[in-house]
N, C-alpha and C. Protein backbone atom coordinates (compact mmCIF):
# COMPACT_ATOMS: atom_id res chain seq x y z
N MET A 1 -6.47 3.35 5.91
CA MET A 1 -6.04 2.15 5.09
C MET A 1 -6.32 2.51 3.67
N CYS A 2 -5.41 2.13 2.78
CA CYS A 2 -5.60 2.36 1.39
C CYS A 2 -6.60 1.26 0.87
N ARG A 3 -7.49 1.59 -0.06
CA ARG A 3 -8.46 0.75 -0.50
C ARG A 3 -8.28 0.27 -1.95
N ASP A 4 -7.75 1.09 -2.80
CA ASP A 4 -7.53 0.71 -4.17
C ASP A 4 -6.18 0.02 -4.37
N ARG A 5 -6.14 -0.85 -5.35
CA ARG A 5 -4.91 -1.58 -5.58
C ARG A 5 -3.77 -0.64 -5.90
N TYR A 6 -4.07 0.45 -6.60
CA TYR A 6 -3.05 1.45 -6.99
C TYR A 6 -2.48 2.12 -5.70
N ASP A 7 -3.38 2.41 -4.82
CA ASP A 7 -2.90 3.02 -3.53
C ASP A 7 -2.06 2.10 -2.73
N ARG A 8 -2.45 0.80 -2.68
CA ARG A 8 -1.79 -0.19 -1.88
C ARG A 8 -0.34 -0.35 -2.44
N VAL A 9 -0.31 -0.54 -3.76
CA VAL A 9 1.04 -0.78 -4.43
C VAL A 9 1.94 0.35 -4.22
N LYS A 10 1.40 1.61 -4.36
CA LYS A 10 2.24 2.78 -4.20
C LYS A 10 2.73 2.87 -2.76
N ALA A 11 1.85 2.61 -1.84
CA ALA A 11 2.22 2.76 -0.43
C ALA A 11 3.36 1.70 -0.11
N VAL A 12 3.17 0.43 -0.57
CA VAL A 12 4.16 -0.63 -0.36
C VAL A 12 5.52 -0.29 -0.95
N GLN A 13 5.46 0.27 -2.14
CA GLN A 13 6.66 0.68 -2.85
C GLN A 13 7.42 1.84 -2.02
N LYS A 14 6.62 2.74 -1.44
CA LYS A 14 7.23 3.85 -0.67
C LYS A 14 7.82 3.21 0.65
N THR A 15 7.24 2.21 1.18
CA THR A 15 7.81 1.52 2.27
C THR A 15 9.15 0.94 1.92
N GLY A 16 9.27 0.31 0.73
CA GLY A 16 10.52 -0.18 0.22
C GLY A 16 11.55 0.80 0.05
N GLU A 17 11.18 2.03 -0.41
CA GLU A 17 12.12 3.10 -0.49
C GLU A 17 12.65 3.56 0.86
N SER A 18 11.75 3.61 1.81
CA SER A 18 12.13 4.03 3.16
C SER A 18 13.12 3.00 3.73
N VAL A 19 12.84 1.69 3.54
CA VAL A 19 13.75 0.65 4.07
C VAL A 19 15.15 0.81 3.45
N ARG A 20 15.12 0.97 2.16
CA ARG A 20 16.37 1.13 1.39
C ARG A 20 17.16 2.30 1.95
N ASN A 21 16.51 3.45 2.07
CA ASN A 21 17.24 4.63 2.57
C ASN A 21 17.78 4.43 4.03
N THR A 22 16.93 3.77 4.82
CA THR A 22 17.36 3.51 6.16
C THR A 22 18.60 2.63 6.18
N TRP A 23 18.62 1.56 5.41
CA TRP A 23 19.77 0.70 5.42
C TRP A 23 20.99 1.29 4.73
N HIS A 24 20.78 2.13 3.66
CA HIS A 24 21.90 2.69 2.98
C HIS A 24 22.59 3.80 3.75
N LYS A 25 21.81 4.36 4.70
CA LYS A 25 22.30 5.53 5.52
C LYS A 25 22.43 5.17 6.96
N THR A 26 22.67 3.85 7.22
CA THR A 26 22.75 3.36 8.57
C THR A 26 23.98 3.77 9.29
N ASP A 27 23.82 4.30 10.53
CA ASP A 27 24.84 4.56 11.51
C ASP A 27 24.95 3.30 12.39
N TRP A 28 25.91 2.49 12.03
CA TRP A 28 26.04 1.18 12.74
C TRP A 28 26.36 1.36 14.23
N ASN A 29 26.96 2.44 14.60
CA ASN A 29 27.23 2.68 16.02
C ASN A 29 25.91 2.82 16.76
N LYS A 30 24.94 3.58 16.14
CA LYS A 30 23.63 3.74 16.70
C LYS A 30 22.88 2.37 16.78
N VAL A 31 23.02 1.59 15.77
CA VAL A 31 22.39 0.29 15.71
C VAL A 31 22.85 -0.59 16.83
N ALA A 32 24.15 -0.51 17.10
CA ALA A 32 24.74 -1.27 18.23
C ALA A 32 24.14 -0.92 19.53
N GLU A 33 23.81 0.39 19.69
CA GLU A 33 23.10 0.87 20.90
C GLU A 33 21.68 0.58 20.92
N ASP A 34 21.07 0.60 19.74
CA ASP A 34 19.58 0.42 19.62
C ASP A 34 19.24 -0.26 18.33
N PRO A 35 19.16 -1.64 18.29
CA PRO A 35 18.90 -2.35 17.10
C PRO A 35 17.60 -2.07 16.45
N ALA A 36 16.67 -1.48 17.17
CA ALA A 36 15.33 -1.14 16.65
C ALA A 36 15.44 -0.09 15.53
N THR A 37 16.58 0.63 15.45
CA THR A 37 16.68 1.67 14.40
C THR A 37 16.67 1.19 13.01
N VAL A 38 16.99 -0.16 12.82
CA VAL A 38 16.90 -0.71 11.46
C VAL A 38 15.85 -1.75 11.31
N LYS A 39 14.85 -1.72 12.27
CA LYS A 39 13.72 -2.66 12.22
C LYS A 39 12.89 -2.35 10.97
N LEU A 40 12.46 -3.44 10.32
CA LEU A 40 11.63 -3.25 9.15
C LEU A 40 10.23 -2.80 9.56
N PRO A 41 9.66 -1.92 8.81
CA PRO A 41 8.31 -1.50 9.14
C PRO A 41 7.28 -2.49 8.69
N TYR A 42 6.55 -3.06 9.59
CA TYR A 42 5.50 -4.04 9.23
C TYR A 42 4.16 -3.41 9.56
N GLU A 43 3.62 -2.82 8.44
CA GLU A 43 2.31 -2.22 8.59
C GLU A 43 1.26 -3.31 8.53
N ASP A 44 0.39 -3.32 9.55
CA ASP A 44 -0.71 -4.30 9.65
C ASP A 44 -1.57 -4.28 8.43
N TRP A 45 -1.97 -3.15 7.93
CA TRP A 45 -2.81 -3.09 6.78
C TRP A 45 -2.25 -3.75 5.55
N ILE A 46 -0.88 -3.82 5.50
CA ILE A 46 -0.24 -4.55 4.37
C ILE A 46 -0.22 -6.04 4.60
N HIS A 47 0.18 -6.44 5.79
CA HIS A 47 0.32 -7.92 6.05
C HIS A 47 -1.00 -8.58 6.26
N GLN A 48 -1.98 -7.93 6.69
CA GLN A 48 -3.23 -8.54 6.99
C GLN A 48 -4.32 -8.34 5.84
N PHE A 49 -3.86 -7.77 4.73
CA PHE A 49 -4.79 -7.58 3.65
C PHE A 49 -5.10 -8.94 2.92
N ASP A 50 -6.39 -9.21 2.79
CA ASP A 50 -6.84 -10.44 2.18
C ASP A 50 -7.20 -10.15 0.67
N ALA A 51 -6.27 -10.38 -0.28
CA ALA A 51 -6.50 -10.04 -1.70
C ALA A 51 -7.69 -10.83 -2.30
N GLU A 52 -7.77 -12.10 -1.85
CA GLU A 52 -8.84 -12.90 -2.45
C GLU A 52 -10.20 -12.39 -1.96
N ARG A 53 -10.37 -12.12 -0.70
CA ARG A 53 -11.62 -11.53 -0.21
C ARG A 53 -11.99 -10.26 -0.94
N HIS A 54 -11.00 -9.36 -1.02
CA HIS A 54 -11.09 -8.11 -1.72
C HIS A 54 -11.63 -8.28 -3.17
N ALA A 55 -10.94 -9.21 -3.83
CA ALA A 55 -11.45 -9.45 -5.20
C ALA A 55 -12.82 -9.91 -5.33
N GLU A 56 -13.25 -10.77 -4.42
CA GLU A 56 -14.62 -11.20 -4.39
C GLU A 56 -15.59 -10.08 -4.06
N GLU A 57 -15.17 -9.15 -3.16
CA GLU A 57 -16.04 -7.99 -2.79
C GLU A 57 -16.22 -7.07 -3.91
N VAL A 58 -15.26 -6.83 -4.73
CA VAL A 58 -15.36 -5.81 -5.81
C VAL A 58 -15.67 -6.40 -7.19
N PHE A 59 -15.73 -7.67 -7.29
CA PHE A 59 -15.88 -8.29 -8.63
C PHE A 59 -17.13 -7.86 -9.35
N ASP A 60 -18.31 -7.89 -8.74
CA ASP A 60 -19.57 -7.46 -9.41
C ASP A 60 -19.46 -6.04 -9.83
N ASP A 61 -18.97 -5.17 -9.00
CA ASP A 61 -18.75 -3.74 -9.44
C ASP A 61 -17.89 -3.61 -10.63
N ILE A 62 -16.77 -4.23 -10.62
CA ILE A 62 -15.83 -4.13 -11.73
C ILE A 62 -16.44 -4.74 -12.97
N LEU A 63 -17.07 -5.83 -12.90
CA LEU A 63 -17.75 -6.48 -14.01
C LEU A 63 -18.75 -5.52 -14.69
N LYS A 64 -19.50 -4.80 -13.88
CA LYS A 64 -20.47 -3.86 -14.39
C LYS A 64 -19.72 -2.67 -15.04
N ARG A 65 -18.66 -2.23 -14.56
CA ARG A 65 -17.89 -1.16 -15.08
C ARG A 65 -17.33 -1.47 -16.50
N VAL A 66 -16.94 -2.71 -16.68
CA VAL A 66 -16.36 -3.07 -18.02
C VAL A 66 -17.36 -3.59 -19.00
N THR A 67 -18.56 -3.96 -18.54
CA THR A 67 -19.56 -4.50 -19.46
C THR A 67 -20.72 -3.54 -19.68
N GLU A 68 -20.95 -2.56 -18.87
CA GLU A 68 -22.08 -1.61 -19.06
C GLU A 68 -21.52 -0.17 -19.19
N PRO A 69 -21.54 0.33 -20.45
CA PRO A 69 -20.91 1.63 -20.72
C PRO A 69 -21.46 2.69 -19.85
N GLN A 70 -22.73 2.71 -19.49
CA GLN A 70 -23.28 3.84 -18.68
C GLN A 70 -22.67 3.78 -17.23
N VAL A 71 -22.37 2.62 -16.73
CA VAL A 71 -21.78 2.52 -15.44
C VAL A 71 -20.29 2.96 -15.42
N MET A 72 -19.66 2.65 -16.59
CA MET A 72 -18.28 3.13 -16.72
C MET A 72 -18.23 4.64 -16.70
N ASP A 73 -19.20 5.34 -17.33
CA ASP A 73 -19.19 6.71 -17.39
C ASP A 73 -19.49 7.33 -16.00
N GLU A 74 -20.28 6.68 -15.19
CA GLU A 74 -20.62 7.14 -13.88
C GLU A 74 -19.51 6.91 -12.89
N ALA A 75 -18.72 5.87 -13.00
CA ALA A 75 -17.81 5.45 -12.03
C ALA A 75 -16.48 5.01 -12.68
N PRO A 76 -15.70 5.98 -13.20
CA PRO A 76 -14.44 5.65 -13.87
C PRO A 76 -13.52 4.83 -12.97
N LEU A 77 -12.64 4.04 -13.59
CA LEU A 77 -11.64 3.23 -12.88
C LEU A 77 -10.39 3.98 -12.54
N LEU A 78 -10.34 5.22 -12.70
CA LEU A 78 -9.15 5.98 -12.34
C LEU A 78 -8.98 6.00 -10.87
N PRO A 79 -7.74 5.87 -10.42
CA PRO A 79 -7.48 5.84 -8.95
C PRO A 79 -7.80 7.22 -8.35
N LYS A 80 -8.30 7.16 -7.13
CA LYS A 80 -8.53 8.38 -6.36
C LYS A 80 -7.17 8.79 -5.74
N GLU A 81 -7.15 10.03 -5.23
CA GLU A 81 -5.86 10.50 -4.59
C GLU A 81 -5.47 9.64 -3.46
N PRO A 82 -4.37 9.05 -3.38
CA PRO A 82 -4.00 8.16 -2.29
C PRO A 82 -3.90 8.78 -0.92
N GLU A 83 -4.17 8.07 0.09
CA GLU A 83 -4.07 8.56 1.50
C GLU A 83 -2.60 8.65 1.82
N ALA A 84 -2.36 9.55 2.77
CA ALA A 84 -0.89 9.76 3.24
C ALA A 84 -0.50 8.46 3.95
N VAL A 85 0.71 8.10 3.68
CA VAL A 85 1.20 6.87 4.37
C VAL A 85 2.43 7.20 5.14
N THR A 86 2.40 6.80 6.46
CA THR A 86 3.48 6.98 7.33
C THR A 86 4.24 5.69 7.40
N VAL A 87 5.58 5.81 7.30
CA VAL A 87 6.42 4.56 7.30
C VAL A 87 7.35 4.71 8.44
N GLY A 88 7.55 3.65 9.16
CA GLY A 88 8.50 3.67 10.29
C GLY A 88 7.81 4.11 11.48
N GLY A 89 8.67 4.52 12.45
CA GLY A 89 8.12 4.92 13.81
C GLY A 89 8.45 6.23 14.21
């Protein structure tokens, strides 16, 4: 599961690209045989993410990062390398 906002947004945008590519290159004869070929990918980690809870969990850490320079130096706010995301089935 992606943990940083940057990672989540990037993964969701990649999902959108995959859906667009699937629909723009659809073989409607195959869809007639198997409608699941154009099924939208519903990733649980996207739809079950609780943004409010996450904000509450990270608030104190973020506040320290922006108000205490020594903490900012120790834990920069730059995003880490995102995890690989698999879209579709």
